[in-house]
Amino acid sequence: MDYEVPPAIIEVVEELEGYSDTAYYDKNGVLTIGFGHTNATDTFKFNEDTVIDREQAIDILSKDLAEARKYVSQMLENRDLKVNDDRFDYMVLVYFNRPWALRDTMDVIAEGHIKSIIASQEKAYEKKRGTAPPDWFMNRLEKEEKSMNNVGGFIGPKDQPEGETINPLPDTITYMYDKDGNRSLVDASIVDELVESGRYFKEPPVKEEEPDVPNTRFPRKPMKLLDNFKGKIYTTWQKLAGNMQTNLHQI
């Protein structure tokens, strides 16, 4: 066995992935067996007719998680990030379930703020699938959030001051922003090239406020017309008053 999976991890994975001793197609149409195992890895190949028992499923899971731990360790080393065991285990679970999400969210997970982590996973799904996360994915994230709250290695919203960062970025990596203000990690050596391309910015772009559009249908001329009208009324009244005085004198 490549990695002896702790019972607590098996419990979390089973809560998130479920367990089946027969092959089935998951919500994304991917052939799955055991504790969320697919043919995406070479640890155990199977088909629609494959049947396994729980002991085999644990053995397959141990191999899958061993491979995931290897990749996560390498990614952390490449980014010069240091994390505690709980955050490392969560990264492994993310890689195991959706490896495409870890690259863009690893730095957020490393900081350990639970709400930010969940938000980053939602955003990763939208970026990958081009649509808002469905209910089944949001339900999974609720379970992941609950599991993070049950261990001591993460930070709740009341425990972390705004803007606090546990792992400062190394000099070789920096943040850049697209035109919509979305943040991405990039190699510091290509920052100038990305800025010249006009697609990325060193700071979040400030959206310009739309200028007030003048009212072309109802300009302010009517007020002037009203003033003129008042003047004409006053002039007419003066003439009438003068005529009345002249008539009185004649009487």
Protein backbone atom coordinates (compact mmCIF):
# COMPACT_ATOMS: atom_id res chain seq x y z
CA MET A 1 0.00 0.00 0.00
CA ASP A 2 1.52 3.35 -1.14
CA TYR A 3 -0.05 5.51 1.56
CA GLU A 4 -1.90 4.35 4.64
CA VAL A 5 -5.00 6.51 4.64
CA PRO A 6 -6.00 7.65 8.15
CA PRO A 7 -9.56 6.62 9.08
CA ALA A 8 -10.52 10.30 9.47
CA ILE A 9 -9.50 10.98 5.85
CA ILE A 10 -11.46 7.95 4.62
CA GLU A 11 -14.48 9.28 6.50
CA VAL A 12 -14.15 12.74 4.91
CA VAL A 13 -13.62 11.31 1.40
CA GLU A 14 -16.61 9.01 1.76
CA GLU A 15 -18.75 11.93 2.91
CA LEU A 16 -17.67 13.96 -0.11
CA GLU A 17 -17.38 11.31 -2.80
CA GLY A 18 -19.65 8.53 -1.59
CA TYR A 19 -18.78 4.86 -1.99
CA SER A 20 -19.80 2.30 -4.60
CA ASP A 21 -18.48 -1.21 -5.16
CA THR A 22 -19.82 -1.11 -8.74
CA ALA A 23 -18.95 1.26 -11.55
CA TYR A 24 -21.30 4.17 -12.26
CA TYR A 25 -21.33 7.49 -14.11
CA ASP A 26 -21.13 10.56 -11.88
CA LYS A 27 -22.90 13.91 -12.37
CA ASN A 28 -20.31 14.94 -14.96
CA GLY A 29 -20.74 11.72 -16.92
CA VAL A 30 -17.39 10.30 -15.72
CA LEU A 31 -17.13 6.55 -15.04
CA THR A 32 -16.46 6.19 -11.29
CA ILE A 33 -16.00 3.45 -8.71
CA GLY A 34 -15.05 3.09 -5.03
CA PHE A 35 -14.39 6.41 -3.27
CA GLY A 36 -14.59 8.67 -6.31
CA HIS A 37 -11.91 6.85 -8.32
CA THR A 38 -11.87 7.42 -12.09
CA ASN A 39 -9.72 6.28 -14.98
CA ALA A 40 -8.00 9.69 -15.01
CA THR A 41 -5.15 8.03 -13.09
CA ASP A 42 -3.24 4.83 -13.81
CA THR A 43 -3.61 3.49 -10.27
CA PHE A 44 -6.54 1.22 -11.17
CA LYS A 45 -8.15 0.79 -14.59
CA PHE A 46 -11.74 -0.44 -14.75
CA ASN A 47 -14.84 -0.57 -16.96
CA GLU A 48 -18.61 -0.53 -16.57
CA ASP A 49 -18.68 -4.17 -15.47
CA THR A 50 -16.04 -3.87 -12.74
CA VAL A 51 -17.00 -4.83 -9.18
CA ILE A 52 -14.76 -4.29 -6.12
CA ASP A 53 -15.10 -4.61 -2.35
CA ARG A 54 -14.43 -1.99 0.32
CA GLU A 55 -10.92 -3.25 1.05
CA GLN A 56 -10.01 -2.87 -2.61
CA ALA A 57 -11.59 0.59 -2.66
CA ILE A 58 -9.42 1.69 0.29
CA ASP A 59 -6.34 0.32 -1.46
CA ILE A 60 -7.24 2.25 -4.64
CA LEU A 61 -7.89 5.38 -2.59
CA SER A 62 -4.50 5.06 -0.91
CA LYS A 63 -2.80 4.97 -4.31
CA ASP A 64 -4.85 7.89 -5.61
CA LEU A 65 -4.11 10.02 -2.56
CA ALA A 66 -0.42 9.09 -2.63
CA GLU A 67 -0.25 10.40 -6.20
CA ALA A 68 -2.19 13.53 -5.27
CA ARG A 69 0.11 14.19 -2.29
CA LYS A 70 3.14 13.93 -4.56
CA TYR A 71 1.78 16.54 -6.98
CA VAL A 72 0.62 18.87 -4.21
CA SER A 73 4.04 18.70 -2.51
CA GLN A 74 5.74 19.59 -5.80
CA MET A 75 3.37 22.52 -6.41
CA LEU A 76 3.99 23.86 -2.91
CA GLU A 77 7.74 23.60 -3.42
CA ASN A 78 7.52 25.42 -6.76
CA ARG A 79 5.63 28.27 -5.12
CA ASP A 80 7.69 28.29 -1.94
CA LEU A 81 4.52 27.91 0.15
CA LYS A 82 4.42 26.36 3.60
CA VAL A 83 1.17 25.00 5.02
CA ASN A 84 0.07 23.00 8.04
CA ASP A 85 -1.19 19.42 7.76
CA ASP A 86 -4.88 20.33 7.62
CA ARG A 87 -4.43 22.73 4.71
CA PHE A 88 -2.19 20.25 2.94
CA ASP A 89 -4.84 17.53 3.31
CA TYR A 90 -7.48 19.87 1.88
CA MET A 91 -5.26 20.64 -1.11
CA VAL A 92 -4.90 16.91 -1.66
CA LEU A 93 -8.68 16.46 -1.58
CA VAL A 94 -9.12 19.31 -4.07
CA TYR A 95 -6.51 17.81 -6.38
CA PHE A 96 -8.11 14.39 -6.02
CA ASN A 97 -11.57 15.68 -6.95
CA ARG A 98 -10.81 18.59 -9.32
CA PRO A 99 -7.11 19.00 -10.11
CA TRP A 100 -7.88 21.88 -12.48
CA ALA A 101 -9.01 24.01 -9.50
CA LEU A 102 -5.89 23.74 -7.35
CA ARG A 103 -3.51 25.72 -9.57
CA ASP A 104 -5.52 28.95 -9.26
CA THR A 105 -6.62 28.48 -5.64
CA MET A 106 -3.55 27.06 -3.90
CA ASP A 107 -2.38 30.41 -2.55
CA VAL A 108 -5.84 31.11 -1.11
CA ILE A 109 -5.95 27.69 0.58
CA ALA A 110 -2.45 28.30 1.96
CA GLU A 111 -3.68 31.45 3.72
CA GLY A 112 -6.33 29.32 5.41
CA HIS A 113 -9.31 31.68 5.47
CA ILE A 114 -12.30 29.32 5.11
CA LYS A 115 -14.73 31.74 3.45
CA SER A 116 -12.10 32.85 0.94
CA ILE A 117 -11.26 29.21 0.18
CA ILE A 118 -14.89 28.33 -0.56
CA ALA A 119 -15.30 31.44 -2.72
CA SER A 120 -12.14 30.52 -4.67
CA GLN A 121 -13.54 27.06 -5.40
CA GLU A 122 -16.79 28.55 -6.73
CA LYS A 123 -14.82 30.89 -8.97
CA ALA A 124 -12.61 28.05 -10.19
CA TYR A 125 -15.70 26.08 -11.21
CA GLU A 126 -17.12 29.07 -13.12
CA LYS A 127 -13.81 29.55 -14.90
CA LYS A 128 -13.55 25.88 -15.86
CA ARG A 129 -17.17 25.20 -16.82
CA GLY A 130 -18.20 28.65 -18.01
CA THR A 131 -21.30 28.61 -15.82
CA ALA A 132 -22.35 29.13 -12.21
CA PRO A 133 -21.78 26.12 -9.92
CA PRO A 134 -24.81 23.79 -9.82
CA ASP A 135 -26.54 22.78 -6.61
CA TRP A 136 -24.65 19.49 -6.27
CA PHE A 137 -21.31 21.32 -6.38
CA MET A 138 -22.46 23.92 -3.85
CA ASN A 139 -23.63 21.09 -1.58
CA ARG A 140 -20.19 19.55 -1.83
CA LEU A 141 -18.57 22.86 -0.91
CA GLU A 142 -20.84 23.08 2.14
CA LYS A 143 -19.53 19.69 3.25
CA GLU A 144 -15.94 20.79 2.59
CA GLU A 145 -16.52 23.94 4.64
CA LYS A 146 -17.94 21.86 7.47
CA SER A 147 -14.91 19.54 7.41
CA MET A 148 -12.56 22.55 7.56
CA ASN A 149 -14.48 23.95 10.52
CA ASN A 150 -14.09 20.61 12.31
CA VAL A 151 -10.29 20.77 12.34
CA GLY A 152 -8.00 23.35 13.89
CA GLY A 153 -5.81 24.23 10.92
CA PHE A 154 -8.06 26.81 9.26
CA ILE A 155 -9.14 30.34 10.07
CA GLY A 156 -12.75 31.42 10.42
CA PRO A 157 -13.92 34.91 9.42
CA LYS A 158 -13.81 36.15 13.03
CA ASP A 159 -10.23 35.02 13.61
CA GLN A 160 -8.33 36.64 10.74
CA PRO A 161 -7.86 40.40 10.38
CA GLU A 162 -8.72 41.74 6.96
CA GLY A 163 -5.77 41.59 4.58
CA GLU A 164 -3.58 39.37 6.77
CA THR A 165 -1.37 37.07 4.71
CA ILE A 166 0.33 34.00 6.15
CA ASN A 167 2.55 33.21 3.15
CA PRO A 168 4.09 36.25 1.45
CA LEU A 169 4.75 35.67 -2.24
CA PRO A 170 8.31 34.91 -3.31
CA ASP A 171 10.05 37.46 -5.53
CA THR A 172 9.69 35.17 -8.56
CA ILE A 173 5.86 35.19 -8.40
CA THR A 174 3.47 38.11 -8.29
CA TYR A 175 -0.18 38.95 -8.73
CA MET A 176 -1.66 40.55 -11.85
CA TYR A 177 -5.22 41.51 -12.73
CA ASP A 178 -7.32 41.20 -15.87
CA LYS A 179 -9.68 43.93 -17.14
CA ASP A 180 -12.46 42.64 -14.86
CA GLY A 181 -10.24 42.78 -11.77
CA ASN A 182 -9.75 39.00 -11.48
CA ARG A 183 -6.44 38.17 -9.77
CA SER A 184 -3.93 35.62 -11.10
CA LEU A 185 -0.45 34.47 -10.08
CA VAL A 186 2.18 35.02 -12.78
CA ASP A 187 5.92 34.66 -13.23
CA ALA A 188 7.47 38.00 -12.25
CA SER A 189 9.84 37.88 -15.22
CA ILE A 190 7.01 38.34 -17.74
CA VAL A 191 5.11 41.14 -15.98
CA ASP A 192 6.24 43.87 -18.41
CA GLU A 193 5.34 41.69 -21.38
CA LEU A 194 1.83 41.11 -20.02
CA VAL A 195 1.36 44.82 -19.29
CA GLU A 196 2.40 45.67 -22.87
CA SER A 197 -0.15 43.18 -24.18
CA GLY A 198 -2.89 45.26 -22.55
CA ARG A 199 -4.60 42.17 -21.15
CA TYR A 200 -3.20 42.31 -17.62
CA PHE A 201 -2.47 45.06 -15.10
CA LYS A 202 -0.27 45.41 -12.02
CA GLU A 203 -3.16 46.88 -10.05
CA PRO A 204 -6.91 46.21 -10.27
CA PRO A 205 -8.26 48.45 -13.03
CA VAL A 206 -10.52 51.25 -11.83
CA LYS A 207 -13.80 51.35 -13.67
CA GLU A 208 -14.58 54.84 -14.94
CA GLU A 209 -17.91 56.26 -13.91
CA GLU A 210 -20.25 56.89 -16.81
CA PRO A 211 -20.60 60.63 -17.50
CA ASP A 212 -23.97 62.28 -17.04
CA VAL A 213 -25.85 62.32 -20.33
CA PRO A 214 -27.45 65.69 -21.03
CA ASN A 215 -31.24 65.69 -21.37
CA THR A 216 -31.64 66.35 -25.08
CA ARG A 217 -35.37 65.65 -25.16
CA PHE A 218 -36.32 68.12 -22.46
CA PRO A 219 -33.70 70.92 -22.35
CA ARG A 220 -33.84 73.66 -19.78
CA LYS A 221 -35.15 76.21 -22.25
CA PRO A 222 -38.78 75.89 -21.01
CA MET A 223 -37.75 77.66 -17.78
CA LYS A 224 -36.54 80.62 -19.84
CA LEU A 225 -39.75 80.54 -21.83
CA LEU A 226 -41.72 80.59 -18.59
CA ASP A 227 -39.77 83.64 -17.44
CA ASN A 228 -40.56 85.39 -20.74
CA PHE A 229 -44.20 84.42 -20.35
CA LYS A 230 -44.26 85.95 -16.87
CA GLY A 231 -42.75 89.13 -18.28
CA LYS A 232 -45.42 89.36 -20.94
CA ILE A 233 -48.18 88.88 -18.36
CA TYR A 234 -46.71 91.67 -16.23
CA THR A 235 -46.45 94.02 -19.25
CA THR A 236 -50.04 93.28 -20.28
CA TRP A 237 -51.24 93.94 -16.72
CA GLN A 238 -49.46 97.31 -16.74
CA LYS A 239 -51.17 98.30 -19.98
CA LEU A 240 -54.58 97.29 -18.64
CA ALA A 241 -53.99 99.24 -15.43
CA GLY A 242 -52.99 102.31 -17.44
CA ASN A 243 -56.11 102.11 -19.60
CA MET A 244 -58.30 101.78 -16.50
CA GLN A 245 -56.77 104.92 -14.96
CA THR A 246 -57.30 106.87 -18.24
CA ASN A 247 -60.98 105.87 -18.35
CA LEU A 248 -61.49 106.91 -14.76
CA HIS A 249 -60.04 110.35 -15.46
CA GLN A 250 -62.39 110.75 -18.40
CA ILE A 251 -65.40 109.93 -16.22
